[in-house]
Amino acid sequence: INTFREYTYYADSVKDRFTISQDSAKNTVYLLMNSLKPEDT
């Protein structure tokens, strides 16, 4: 994630399952992982 403009980028393997986001006030970045697969280990 671009921390100024919040543009996001994903690898093809996770594009439709993971979401990257940020809370700039907390200086924290998150990765929400849905539909997890064993290969995500």
PDB file of all heavy atoms in Angstrom:
ATOM      1  N   ILE A   1       0.842  -1.189   0.000  1.00  0.00           N
ATOM      2  CA  ILE A   1       0.000   0.000   0.000  1.00  0.00           C
ATOM      3  C   ILE A   1       0.878   1.239   0.000  1.00  0.00           C
ATOM      4  O   ILE A   1       1.864   1.307   0.732  1.00  0.00           O
ATOM      5  CB  ILE A   1      -0.973   0.001   1.207  1.00  0.00           C
ATOM      6  CG1 ILE A   1      -1.910   1.208   1.150  1.00  0.00           C
ATOM      7  CG2 ILE A   1      -0.211  -0.050   2.528  1.00  0.00           C
ATOM      8  CD1 ILE A   1      -3.061   1.116   2.146  1.00  0.00           C
ATOM      9  N   ASN A   2       0.524   2.202  -0.847  1.00  0.00           N
ATOM     10  CA  ASN A   2       1.156   3.508  -0.811  1.00  0.00           C
ATOM     11  C   ASN A   2       0.564   4.252   0.378  1.00  0.00           C
ATOM     12  O   ASN A   2      -0.644   4.513   0.410  1.00  0.00           O
ATOM     13  CB  ASN A   2       0.902   4.257  -2.123  1.00  0.00           C
ATOM     14  CG  ASN A   2       1.535   5.634  -2.158  1.00  0.00           C
ATOM     15  OD1 ASN A   2       1.171   6.519  -1.383  1.00  0.00           O
ATOM     16  ND2 ASN A   2       2.490   5.831  -3.066  1.00  0.00           N
ATOM     17  N   THR A   3       1.395   4.601   1.332  1.00  0.00           N
ATOM     18  CA  THR A   3       0.886   5.129   2.591  1.00  0.00           C
ATOM     19  C   THR A   3       0.416   6.573   2.504  1.00  0.00           C
ATOM     20  O   THR A   3      -0.237   7.052   3.427  1.00  0.00           O
ATOM     21  CB  THR A   3       1.947   5.003   3.689  1.00  0.00           C
ATOM     22  OG1 THR A   3       3.169   5.626   3.267  1.00  0.00           O
ATOM     23  CG2 THR A   3       2.204   3.535   3.995  1.00  0.00           C
ATOM     24  N   PHE A   4       0.719   7.260   1.416  1.00  0.00           N
ATOM     25  CA  PHE A   4       0.234   8.622   1.221  1.00  0.00           C
ATOM     26  C   PHE A   4      -1.080   8.653   0.456  1.00  0.00           C
ATOM     27  O   PHE A   4      -2.025   9.344   0.852  1.00  0.00           O
ATOM     28  CB  PHE A   4       1.284   9.466   0.494  1.00  0.00           C
ATOM     29  CG  PHE A   4       2.508   9.740   1.301  1.00  0.00           C
ATOM     30  CD1 PHE A   4       3.642   8.955   1.160  1.00  0.00           C
ATOM     31  CD2 PHE A   4       2.528  10.778   2.215  1.00  0.00           C
ATOM     32  CE1 PHE A   4       4.772   9.201   1.906  1.00  0.00           C
ATOM     33  CE2 PHE A   4       3.658  11.038   2.972  1.00  0.00           C
ATOM     34  CZ  PHE A   4       4.783  10.244   2.813  1.00  0.00           C
ATOM     35  N   ARG A   5      -1.155   7.926  -0.637  1.00  0.00           N
ATOM     36  CA  ARG A   5      -2.341   7.929  -1.489  1.00  0.00           C
ATOM     37  C   ARG A   5      -3.247   6.719  -1.281  1.00  0.00           C
ATOM     38  O   ARG A   5      -4.343   6.674  -1.835  1.00  0.00           O
ATOM     39  CB  ARG A   5      -1.934   8.021  -2.955  1.00  0.00           C
ATOM     40  CG  ARG A   5      -1.184   9.299  -3.298  1.00  0.00           C
ATOM     41  CD  ARG A   5      -0.859   9.371  -4.774  1.00  0.00           C
ATOM     42  NE  ARG A   5      -0.238  10.643  -5.127  1.00  0.00           N
ATOM     43  CZ  ARG A   5       1.066  10.874  -5.084  1.00  0.00           C
ATOM     44  NH1 ARG A   5       1.898   9.927  -4.704  1.00  0.00           N
ATOM     45  NH2 ARG A   5       1.543  12.065  -5.431  1.00  0.00           N
ATOM     46  N   GLU A   6      -2.791   5.735  -0.529  1.00  0.00           N
ATOM     47  CA  GLU A   6      -3.531   4.522  -0.219  1.00  0.00           C
ATOM     48  C   GLU A   6      -3.832   3.671  -1.458  1.00  0.00           C
ATOM     49  O   GLU A   6      -4.804   2.911  -1.463  1.00  0.00           O
ATOM     50  CB  GLU A   6      -4.813   4.848   0.552  1.00  0.00           C
ATOM     51  CG  GLU A   6      -4.545   5.467   1.919  1.00  0.00           C
ATOM     52  CD  GLU A   6      -5.779   5.633   2.769  1.00  0.00           C
ATOM     53  OE1 GLU A   6      -6.877   5.801   2.190  1.00  0.00           O
ATOM     54  OE2 GLU A   6      -5.665   5.586   4.002  1.00  0.00           O
ATOM     55  N   TYR A   7      -3.014   3.801  -2.493  1.00  0.00           N
ATOM     56  CA  TYR A   7      -3.095   2.866  -3.607  1.00  0.00           C
ATOM     57  C   TYR A   7      -2.692   1.493  -3.104  1.00  0.00           C
ATOM     58  O   TYR A   7      -1.773   1.365  -2.291  1.00  0.00           O
ATOM     59  CB  TYR A   7      -2.173   3.285  -4.744  1.00  0.00           C
ATOM     60  CG  TYR A   7      -2.494   4.604  -5.401  1.00  0.00           C
ATOM     61  CD1 TYR A   7      -1.514   5.315  -6.080  1.00  0.00           C
ATOM     62  CD2 TYR A   7      -3.771   5.146  -5.361  1.00  0.00           C
ATOM     63  CE1 TYR A   7      -1.790   6.518  -6.700  1.00  0.00           C
ATOM     64  CE2 TYR A   7      -4.063   6.352  -5.975  1.00  0.00           C
ATOM     65  CZ  TYR A   7      -3.068   7.038  -6.646  1.00  0.00           C
ATOM     66  OH  TYR A   7      -3.359   8.236  -7.257  1.00  0.00           O
ATOM     67  N   THR A   8      -3.354   0.467  -3.575  1.00  0.00           N
ATOM     68  CA  THR A   8      -3.080  -0.895  -3.127  1.00  0.00           C
ATOM     69  C   THR A   8      -2.687  -1.782  -4.287  1.00  0.00           C
ATOM     70  O   THR A   8      -3.121  -1.593  -5.424  1.00  0.00           O
ATOM     71  CB  THR A   8      -4.290  -1.491  -2.401  1.00  0.00           C
ATOM     72  OG1 THR A   8      -5.434  -1.455  -3.259  1.00  0.00           O
ATOM     73  CG2 THR A   8      -4.592  -0.708  -1.133  1.00  0.00           C
ATOM     74  N   TYR A   9      -1.871  -2.798  -3.985  1.00  0.00           N
ATOM     75  CA  TYR A   9      -1.337  -3.713  -4.983  1.00  0.00           C
ATOM     76  C   TYR A   9      -1.338  -5.116  -4.389  1.00  0.00           C
ATOM     77  O   TYR A   9      -1.047  -5.291  -3.204  1.00  0.00           O
ATOM     78  CB  TYR A   9       0.096  -3.323  -5.375  1.00  0.00           C
ATOM     79  CG  TYR A   9       0.263  -1.860  -5.714  1.00  0.00           C
ATOM     80  CD1 TYR A   9       0.509  -0.923  -4.721  1.00  0.00           C
ATOM     81  CD2 TYR A   9       0.179  -1.417  -7.030  1.00  0.00           C
ATOM     82  CE1 TYR A   9       0.659   0.425  -5.024  1.00  0.00           C
ATOM     83  CE2 TYR A   9       0.329  -0.073  -7.344  1.00  0.00           C
ATOM     84  CZ  TYR A   9       0.567   0.840  -6.340  1.00  0.00           C
ATOM     85  OH  TYR A   9       0.714   2.174  -6.652  1.00  0.00           O
ATOM     86  N   TYR A  10      -1.650  -6.127  -5.222  1.00  0.00           N
ATOM     87  CA  TYR A  10      -1.765  -7.489  -4.737  1.00  0.00           C
ATOM     88  C   TYR A  10      -1.097  -8.477  -5.679  1.00  0.00           C
ATOM     89  O   TYR A  10      -1.126  -8.316  -6.901  1.00  0.00           O
ATOM     90  CB  TYR A  10      -3.235  -7.897  -4.597  1.00  0.00           C
ATOM     91  CG  TYR A  10      -4.013  -7.060  -3.620  1.00  0.00           C
ATOM     92  CD1 TYR A  10      -4.726  -5.945  -4.044  1.00  0.00           C
ATOM     93  CD2 TYR A  10      -4.039  -7.391  -2.272  1.00  0.00           C
ATOM     94  CE1 TYR A  10      -5.438  -5.175  -3.143  1.00  0.00           C
ATOM     95  CE2 TYR A  10      -4.752  -6.628  -1.368  1.00  0.00           C
ATOM     96  CZ  TYR A  10      -5.452  -5.514  -1.811  1.00  0.00           C
ATOM     97  OH  TYR A  10      -6.162  -4.758  -0.908  1.00  0.00           O
ATOM     98  N   ALA A  11      -0.518  -9.505  -5.094  1.00  0.00           N
ATOM     99  CA  ALA A  11      -0.072 -10.637  -5.885  1.00  0.00           C
ATOM    100  C   ALA A  11      -1.292 -11.371  -6.436  1.00  0.00           C
ATOM    101  O   ALA A  11      -2.355 -11.406  -5.804  1.00  0.00           O
ATOM    102  CB  ALA A  11       0.774 -11.587  -5.036  1.00  0.00           C
ATOM    103  N   ASP A  12      -1.143 -11.959  -7.623  1.00  0.00           N
ATOM    104  CA  ASP A  12      -2.267 -12.646  -8.251  1.00  0.00           C
ATOM    105  C   ASP A  12      -2.838 -13.753  -7.366  1.00  0.00           C
ATOM    106  O   ASP A  12      -4.046 -13.999  -7.375  1.00  0.00           O
ATOM    107  CB  ASP A  12      -1.845 -13.231  -9.592  1.00  0.00           C
ATOM    108  CG  ASP A  12      -1.616 -12.168 -10.652  1.00  0.00           C
ATOM    109  OD1 ASP A  12      -2.090 -11.032 -10.483  1.00  0.00           O
ATOM    110  OD2 ASP A  12      -0.955 -12.479 -11.667  1.00  0.00           O
ATOM    111  N   SER A  13      -1.991 -14.397  -6.594  1.00  0.00           N
ATOM    112  CA  SER A  13      -2.424 -15.519  -5.782  1.00  0.00           C
ATOM    113  C   SER A  13      -3.363 -15.136  -4.645  1.00  0.00           C
ATOM    114  O   SER A  13      -4.058 -15.995  -4.103  1.00  0.00           O
ATOM    115  CB  SER A  13      -1.205 -16.254  -5.213  1.00  0.00           C
ATOM    116  OG  SER A  13      -0.425 -15.386  -4.414  1.00  0.00           O
ATOM    117  N   VAL A  14      -3.394 -13.848  -4.279  1.00  0.00           N
ATOM    118  CA  VAL A  14      -4.222 -13.414  -3.161  1.00  0.00           C
ATOM    119  C   VAL A  14      -5.185 -12.303  -3.538  1.00  0.00           C
ATOM    120  O   VAL A  14      -5.951 -11.840  -2.679  1.00  0.00           O
ATOM    121  CB  VAL A  14      -3.352 -12.948  -1.974  1.00  0.00           C
ATOM    122  CG1 VAL A  14      -2.342 -14.017  -1.595  1.00  0.00           C
ATOM    123  CG2 VAL A  14      -2.642 -11.630  -2.295  1.00  0.00           C
ATOM    124  N   LYS A  15      -5.200 -11.874  -4.789  1.00  0.00           N
ATOM    125  CA  LYS A  15      -5.888 -10.658  -5.215  1.00  0.00           C
ATOM    126  C   LYS A  15      -7.346 -10.597  -4.771  1.00  0.00           C
ATOM    127  O   LYS A  15      -7.816  -9.548  -4.313  1.00  0.00           O
ATOM    128  CB  LYS A  15      -5.792 -10.526  -6.733  1.00  0.00           C
ATOM    129  CG  LYS A  15      -6.449  -9.278  -7.293  1.00  0.00           C
ATOM    130  CD  LYS A  15      -6.305  -9.217  -8.805  1.00  0.00           C
ATOM    131  CE  LYS A  15      -7.036 -10.362  -9.471  1.00  0.00           C
ATOM    132  NZ  LYS A  15      -6.946 -10.288 -10.963  1.00  0.00           N
ATOM    133  N   ASP A  16      -8.092 -11.665  -4.907  1.00  0.00           N
ATOM    134  CA  ASP A  16      -9.515 -11.663  -4.610  1.00  0.00           C
ATOM    135  C   ASP A  16      -9.838 -12.152  -3.206  1.00  0.00           C
ATOM    136  O   ASP A  16     -11.016 -12.280  -2.851  1.00  0.00           O
ATOM    137  CB  ASP A  16     -10.267 -12.514  -5.632  1.00  0.00           C
ATOM    138  CG  ASP A  16     -10.164 -11.948  -7.038  1.00  0.00           C
ATOM    139  OD1 ASP A  16     -10.212 -10.718  -7.196  1.00  0.00           O
ATOM    140  OD2 ASP A  16     -10.036 -12.750  -7.988  1.00  0.00           O
ATOM    141  N   ARG A  17      -8.819 -12.406  -2.402  1.00  0.00           N
ATOM    142  CA  ARG A  17      -9.034 -12.950  -1.067  1.00  0.00           C
ATOM    143  C   ARG A  17      -8.497 -12.066   0.048  1.00  0.00           C
ATOM    144  O   ARG A  17      -9.049 -12.055   1.147  1.00  0.00           O
ATOM    145  CB  ARG A  17      -8.394 -14.336  -0.952  1.00  0.00           C
ATOM    146  CG  ARG A  17      -8.951 -15.344  -1.942  1.00  0.00           C
ATOM    147  CD  ARG A  17      -8.344 -16.723  -1.713  1.00  0.00           C
ATOM    148  NE  ARG A  17      -6.915 -16.736  -1.969  1.00  0.00           N
ATOM    149  CZ  ARG A  17      -5.990 -17.086  -1.074  1.00  0.00           C
ATOM    150  NH1 ARG A  17      -6.352 -17.451   0.158  1.00  0.00           N
ATOM    151  NH2 ARG A  17      -4.704 -17.079  -1.396  1.00  0.00           N
ATOM    152  N   PHE A  18      -7.410 -11.343  -0.208  1.00  0.00           N
ATOM    153  CA  PHE A  18      -6.755 -10.525   0.816  1.00  0.00           C
ATOM    154  C   PHE A  18      -7.024  -9.050   0.566  1.00  0.00           C
ATOM    155  O   PHE A  18      -7.174  -8.611  -0.579  1.00  0.00           O
ATOM    156  CB  PHE A  18      -5.243 -10.750   0.813  1.00  0.00           C
ATOM    157  CG  PHE A  18      -4.793 -12.118   1.260  1.00  0.00           C
ATOM    158  CD1 PHE A  18      -5.694 -13.149   1.473  1.00  0.00           C
ATOM    159  CD2 PHE A  18      -3.445 -12.363   1.469  1.00  0.00           C
ATOM    160  CE1 PHE A  18      -5.271 -14.403   1.879  1.00  0.00           C
ATOM    161  CE2 PHE A  18      -3.006 -13.608   1.877  1.00  0.00           C
ATOM    162  CZ  PHE A  18      -3.918 -14.633   2.083  1.00  0.00           C
ATOM    163  N   THR A  19      -7.044  -8.266   1.646  1.00  0.00           N
ATOM    164  CA  THR A  19      -7.211  -6.820   1.555  1.00  0.00           C
ATOM    165  C   THR A  19      -6.189  -6.133   2.449  1.00  0.00           C
ATOM    166  O   THR A  19      -6.129  -6.416   3.649  1.00  0.00           O
ATOM    167  CB  THR A  19      -8.624  -6.393   1.968  1.00  0.00           C
ATOM    168  OG1 THR A  19      -9.596  -7.050   1.146  1.00  0.00           O
ATOM    169  CG2 THR A  19      -8.783  -4.879   1.815  1.00  0.00           C
ATOM    170  N   ILE A  20      -5.400  -5.232   1.863  1.00  0.00           N
ATOM    171  CA  ILE A  20      -4.452  -4.453   2.639  1.00  0.00           C
ATOM    172  C   ILE A  20      -5.051  -3.069   2.877  1.00  0.00           C
ATOM    173  O   ILE A  20      -5.669  -2.486   1.985  1.00  0.00           O
ATOM    174  CB  ILE A  20      -3.075  -4.361   1.941  1.00  0.00           C
ATOM    175  CG1 ILE A  20      -2.041  -3.697   2.857  1.00  0.00           C
ATOM    176  CG2 ILE A  20      -3.171  -3.638   0.603  1.00  0.00           C
ATOM    177  CD1 ILE A  20      -0.610  -3.793   2.335  1.00  0.00           C
ATOM    178  N   SER A  21      -4.885  -2.549   4.079  1.00  0.00           N
ATOM    179  CA  SER A  21      -5.434  -1.249   4.429  1.00  0.00           C
ATOM    180  C   SER A  21      -4.556  -0.617   5.495  1.00  0.00           C
ATOM    181  O   SER A  21      -3.633  -1.251   6.019  1.00  0.00           O
ATOM    182  CB  SER A  21      -6.880  -1.373   4.920  1.00  0.00           C
ATOM    183  OG  SER A  21      -6.947  -2.166   6.094  1.00  0.00           O
ATOM    184  N   GLN A  22      -4.843   0.635   5.826  1.00  0.00           N
ATOM    185  CA  GLN A  22      -4.066   1.304   6.851  1.00  0.00           C
ATOM    186  C   GLN A  22      -4.938   2.201   7.699  1.00  0.00           C
ATOM    187  O   GLN A  22      -5.992   2.675   7.268  1.00  0.00           O
ATOM    188  CB  GLN A  22      -2.925   2.124   6.233  1.00  0.00           C
ATOM    189  CG  GLN A  22      -3.373   3.372   5.488  1.00  0.00           C
ATOM    190  CD  GLN A  22      -2.219   4.251   5.052  1.00  0.00           C
ATOM    191  OE1 GLN A  22      -1.048   3.915   5.275  1.00  0.00           O
ATOM    192  NE2 GLN A  22      -2.516   5.362   4.427  1.00  0.00           N
ATOM    193  N   ASP A  23      -4.476   2.446   8.915  1.00  0.00           N
ATOM    194  CA  ASP A  23      -5.020   3.458   9.799  1.00  0.00           C
ATOM    195  C   ASP A  23      -3.870   4.427  10.044  1.00  0.00           C
ATOM    196  O   ASP A  23      -3.004   4.173  10.883  1.00  0.00           O
ATOM    197  CB  ASP A  23      -5.522   2.844  11.100  1.00  0.00           C
ATOM    198  CG  ASP A  23      -6.189   3.852  12.006  1.00  0.00           C
ATOM    199  OD1 ASP A  23      -5.921   5.060  11.886  1.00  0.00           O
ATOM    200  OD2 ASP A  23      -7.001   3.436  12.863  1.00  0.00           O
ATOM    201  N   SER A  24      -3.843   5.516   9.290  1.00  0.00           N
ATOM    202  CA  SER A  24      -2.709   6.433   9.355  1.00  0.00           C
ATOM    203  C   SER A  24      -2.559   7.075  10.731  1.00  0.00           C
ATOM    204  O   SER A  24      -1.442   7.371  11.165  1.00  0.00           O
ATOM    205  CB  SER A  24      -2.843   7.513   8.273  1.00  0.00           C
ATOM    206  OG  SER A  24      -4.043   8.240   8.423  1.00  0.00           O
ATOM    207  N   ALA A  25      -3.670   7.305  11.427  1.00  0.00           N
ATOM    208  CA  ALA A  25      -3.603   7.894  12.754  1.00  0.00           C
ATOM    209  C   ALA A  25      -2.883   6.979  13.740  1.00  0.00           C
ATOM    210  O   ALA A  25      -2.267   7.451  14.698  1.00  0.00           O
ATOM    211  CB  ALA A  25      -5.000   8.225  13.262  1.00  0.00           C
ATOM    212  N   LYS A  26      -2.963   5.675  13.508  1.00  0.00           N
ATOM    213  CA  LYS A  26      -2.312   4.703  14.380  1.00  0.00           C
ATOM    214  C   LYS A  26      -0.984   4.206  13.824  1.00  0.00           C
ATOM    215  O   LYS A  26      -0.325   3.382  14.465  1.00  0.00           O
ATOM    216  CB  LYS A  26      -3.230   3.506  14.610  1.00  0.00           C
ATOM    217  CG  LYS A  26      -4.526   3.830  15.333  1.00  0.00           C
ATOM    218  CD  LYS A  26      -5.356   2.571  15.525  1.00  0.00           C
ATOM    219  CE  LYS A  26      -6.636   2.862  16.275  1.00  0.00           C
ATOM    220  NZ  LYS A  26      -7.465   1.634  16.445  1.00  0.00           N
ATOM    221  N   ASN A  27      -0.602   4.687  12.640  1.00  0.00           N
ATOM    222  CA  ASN A  27       0.599   4.206  11.960  1.00  0.00           C
ATOM    223  C   ASN A  27       0.595   2.682  11.859  1.00  0.00           C
ATOM    224  O   ASN A  27       1.601   2.020  12.110  1.00  0.00           O
ATOM    225  CB  ASN A  27       1.860   4.686  12.677  1.00  0.00           C
ATOM    226  CG  ASN A  27       2.094   6.170  12.526  1.00  0.00           C
ATOM    227  OD1 ASN A  27       1.852   6.738  11.467  1.00  0.00           O
ATOM    228  ND2 ASN A  27       2.583   6.805  13.585  1.00  0.00           N
ATOM    229  N   THR A  28      -0.546   2.149  11.469  1.00  0.00           N
ATOM    230  CA  THR A  28      -0.734   0.709  11.425  1.00  0.00           C
ATOM    231  C   THR A  28      -1.268   0.287  10.065  1.00  0.00           C
ATOM    232  O   THR A  28      -2.171   0.925   9.517  1.00  0.00           O
ATOM    233  CB  THR A  28      -1.688   0.244  12.529  1.00  0.00           C
ATOM    234  OG1 THR A  28      -1.142   0.592  13.805  1.00  0.00           O
ATOM    235  CG2 THR A  28      -1.887  -1.261  12.481  1.00  0.00           C
ATOM    236  N   VAL A  29      -0.710  -0.788   9.530  1.00  0.00           N
ATOM    237  CA  VAL A  29      -1.168  -1.395   8.287  1.00  0.00           C
ATOM    238  C   VAL A  29      -1.732  -2.767   8.604  1.00  0.00           C
ATOM    239  O   VAL A  29      -1.189  -3.491   9.444  1.00  0.00           O
ATOM    240  CB  VAL A  29      -0.030  -1.483   7.260  1.00  0.00           C
ATOM    241  CG1 VAL A  29      -0.445  -2.315   6.054  1.00  0.00           C
ATOM    242  CG2 VAL A  29       0.374  -0.091   6.811  1.00  0.00           C
ATOM    243  N   TYR A  30      -2.812  -3.131   7.917  1.00  0.00           N
ATOM    244  CA  TYR A  30      -3.487  -4.391   8.153  1.00  0.00           C
ATOM    245  C   TYR A  30      -3.487  -5.248   6.894  1.00  0.00           C
ATOM    246  O   TYR A  30      -3.433  -4.749   5.776  1.00  0.00           O
ATOM    247  CB  TYR A  30      -4.940  -4.159   8.586  1.00  0.00           C
ATOM    248  CG  TYR A  30      -5.083  -3.259   9.779  1.00  0.00           C
ATOM    249  CD1 TYR A  30      -5.337  -1.905   9.620  1.00  0.00           C
ATOM    250  CD2 TYR A  30      -4.972  -3.760  11.070  1.00  0.00           C
ATOM    251  CE1 TYR A  30      -5.473  -1.076  10.721  1.00  0.00           C
ATOM    252  CE2 TYR A  30      -5.109  -2.942  12.173  1.00  0.00           C
ATOM    253  CZ  TYR A  30      -5.362  -1.597  11.998  1.00  0.00           C
ATOM    254  OH  TYR A  30      -5.498  -0.781  13.092  1.00  0.00           O
ATOM    255  N   LEU A  31      -3.575  -6.542   7.102  1.00  0.00           N
ATOM    256  CA  LEU A  31      -3.794  -7.474   6.010  1.00  0.00           C
ATOM    257  C   LEU A  31      -4.923  -8.404   6.417  1.00  0.00           C
ATOM    258  O   LEU A  31      -4.741  -9.270   7.279  1.00  0.00           O
ATOM    259  CB  LEU A  31      -2.531  -8.275   5.690  1.00  0.00           C
ATOM    260  CG  LEU A  31      -2.646  -9.216   4.489  1.00  0.00           C
ATOM    261  CD1 LEU A  31      -2.775  -8.406   3.199  1.00  0.00           C
ATOM    262  CD2 LEU A  31      -1.456 -10.161   4.412  1.00  0.00           C
ATOM    263  N   LEU A  32      -6.096  -8.192   5.826  1.00  0.00           N
ATOM    264  CA  LEU A  32      -7.236  -9.052   6.072  1.00  0.00           C
ATOM    265  C   LEU A  32      -7.184 -10.205   5.088  1.00  0.00           C
ATOM    266  O   LEU A  32      -7.199  -9.997   3.879  1.00  0.00           O
ATOM    267  CB  LEU A  32      -8.540  -8.276   5.913  1.00  0.00           C
ATOM    268  CG  LEU A  32      -9.829  -9.088   6.054  1.00  0.00           C
ATOM    269  CD1 LEU A  32      -9.937  -9.711   7.433  1.00  0.00           C
ATOM    270  CD2 LEU A  32     -11.038  -8.212   5.748  1.00  0.00           C
ATOM    271  N   MET A  33      -7.122 -11.416   5.601  1.00  0.00           N
ATOM    272  CA  MET A  33      -6.985 -12.607   4.787  1.00  0.00           C
ATOM    273  C   MET A  33      -8.260 -13.429   4.906  1.00  0.00           C
ATOM    274  O   MET A  33      -8.576 -13.941   5.985  1.00  0.00           O
ATOM    275  CB  MET A  33      -5.772 -13.425   5.225  1.00  0.00           C
ATOM    276  CG  MET A  33      -4.468 -12.640   5.199  1.00  0.00           C
ATOM    277  SD  MET A  33      -3.037 -13.636   5.690  1.00  0.00           S
ATOM    278  CE  MET A  33      -3.435 -13.918   7.420  1.00  0.00           C
ATOM    279  N   ASN A  34      -8.999 -13.535   3.816  1.00  0.00           N
ATOM    280  CA  ASN A  34     -10.212 -14.329   3.754  1.00  0.00           C
ATOM    281  C   ASN A  34      -9.985 -15.565   2.897  1.00  0.00           C
ATOM    282  O   ASN A  34      -9.052 -15.627   2.102  1.00  0.00           O
ATOM    283  CB  ASN A  34     -11.367 -13.510   3.182  1.00  0.00           C
ATOM    284  CG  ASN A  34     -11.816 -12.392   4.084  1.00  0.00           C
ATOM    285  OD1 ASN A  34     -11.844 -12.541   5.306  1.00  0.00           O
ATOM    286  ND2 ASN A  34     -12.194 -11.266   3.494  1.00  0.00           N
ATOM    287  N   SER A  35     -10.867 -16.545   3.046  1.00  0.00           N
ATOM    288  CA  SER A  35     -10.808 -17.770   2.245  1.00  0.00           C
ATOM    289  C   SER A  35      -9.411 -18.376   2.252  1.00  0.00           C
ATOM    290  O   SER A  35      -8.853 -18.723   1.205  1.00  0.00           O
ATOM    291  CB  SER A  35     -11.265 -17.488   0.813  1.00  0.00           C
ATOM    292  OG  SER A  35     -12.582 -16.963   0.788  1.00  0.00           O
ATOM    293  N   LEU A  36      -8.853 -18.519   3.420  1.00  0.00           N
ATOM    294  CA  LEU A  36      -7.478 -18.999   3.544  1.00  0.00           C
ATOM    295  C   LEU A  36      -7.336 -20.429   3.048  1.00  0.00           C
ATOM    296  O   LEU A  36      -8.237 -21.258   3.212  1.00  0.00           O
ATOM    297  CB  LEU A  36      -7.014 -18.890   4.988  1.00  0.00           C
ATOM    298  CG  LEU A  36      -6.635 -17.470   5.421  1.00  0.00           C
ATOM    299  CD1 LEU A  36      -6.597 -17.362   6.932  1.00  0.00           C
ATOM    300  CD2 LEU A  36      -5.289 -17.085   4.816  1.00  0.00           C
ATOM    301  N   LYS A  37      -6.190 -20.702   2.449  1.00  0.00           N
ATOM    302  CA  LYS A  37      -5.849 -22.004   1.904  1.00  0.00           C
ATOM    303  C   LYS A  37      -4.601 -22.534   2.594  1.00  0.00           C
ATOM    304  O   LYS A  37      -3.793 -21.759   3.097  1.00  0.00           O
ATOM    305  CB  LYS A  37      -5.581 -21.896   0.396  1.00  0.00           C
ATOM    306  CG  LYS A  37      -6.706 -21.273  -0.410  1.00  0.00           C
ATOM    307  CD  LYS A  37      -6.284 -21.084  -1.859  1.00  0.00           C
ATOM    308  CE  LYS A  37      -7.385 -20.442  -2.679  1.00  0.00           C
ATOM    309  NZ  LYS A  37      -6.957 -20.232  -4.089  1.00  0.00           N
ATOM    310  N   PRO A  38      -4.408 -23.852   2.607  1.00  0.00           N
ATOM    311  CA  PRO A  38      -3.187 -24.394   3.209  1.00  0.00           C
ATOM    312  C   PRO A  38      -1.913 -23.803   2.617  1.00  0.00           C
ATOM    313  O   PRO A  38      -0.926 -23.634   3.347  1.00  0.00           O
ATOM    314  CB  PRO A  38      -3.294 -25.895   2.923  1.00  0.00           C
ATOM    315  CG  PRO A  38      -4.765 -26.146   2.878  1.00  0.00           C
ATOM    316  CD  PRO A  38      -5.346 -24.921   2.220  1.00  0.00           C
ATOM    317  N   GLU A  39      -1.912 -23.475   1.340  1.00  0.00           N
ATOM    318  CA  GLU A  39      -0.727 -22.898   0.720  1.00  0.00           C
ATOM    319  C   GLU A  39      -0.433 -21.475   1.182  1.00  0.00           C
ATOM    320  O   GLU A  39       0.608 -20.919   0.830  1.00  0.00           O
ATOM    321  CB  GLU A  39      -0.826 -22.945  -0.811  1.00  0.00           C
ATOM    322  CG  GLU A  39      -2.117 -22.376  -1.359  1.00  0.00           C
ATOM    323  CD  GLU A  39      -3.133 -23.457  -1.690  1.00  0.00           C
ATOM    324  OE1 GLU A  39      -3.319 -24.371  -0.863  1.00  0.00           O
ATOM    325  OE2 GLU A  39      -3.742 -23.397  -2.781  1.00  0.00           O
ATOM    326  N   ASP A  40      -1.343 -20.875   1.951  1.00  0.00           N
ATOM    327  CA  ASP A  40      -1.073 -19.576   2.556  1.00  0.00           C
ATOM    328  C   ASP A  40      -0.228 -19.697   3.823  1.00  0.00           C
ATOM    329  O   ASP A  40       0.200 -18.677   4.375  1.00  0.00           O
ATOM    330  CB  ASP A  40      -2.381 -18.853   2.897  1.00  0.00           C
ATOM    331  CG  ASP A  40      -3.193 -18.503   1.667  1.00  0.00           C
ATOM    332  OD1 ASP A  40      -2.606 -18.061   0.663  1.00  0.00           O
ATOM    333  OD2 ASP A  40      -4.435 -18.664   1.721  1.00  0.00           O
ATOM    334  N   THR A  41      -0.004 -20.905   4.292  1.00  0.00           N
ATOM    335  CA  THR A  41       0.791 -21.126   5.495  1.00  0.00           C
ATOM    336  C   THR A  41       2.208 -20.607   5.295  1.00  0.00           C
ATOM    337  O   THR A  41       2.899 -20.991   4.354  1.00  0.00           O
ATOM    338  CB  THR A  41       0.823 -22.614   5.849  1.00  0.00           C
ATOM    339  OG1 THR A  41      -0.499 -23.047   6.187  1.00  0.00           O
ATOM    340  CG2 THR A  41       1.746 -22.874   7.033  1.00  0.00           C
TER     341      THR A  41
END
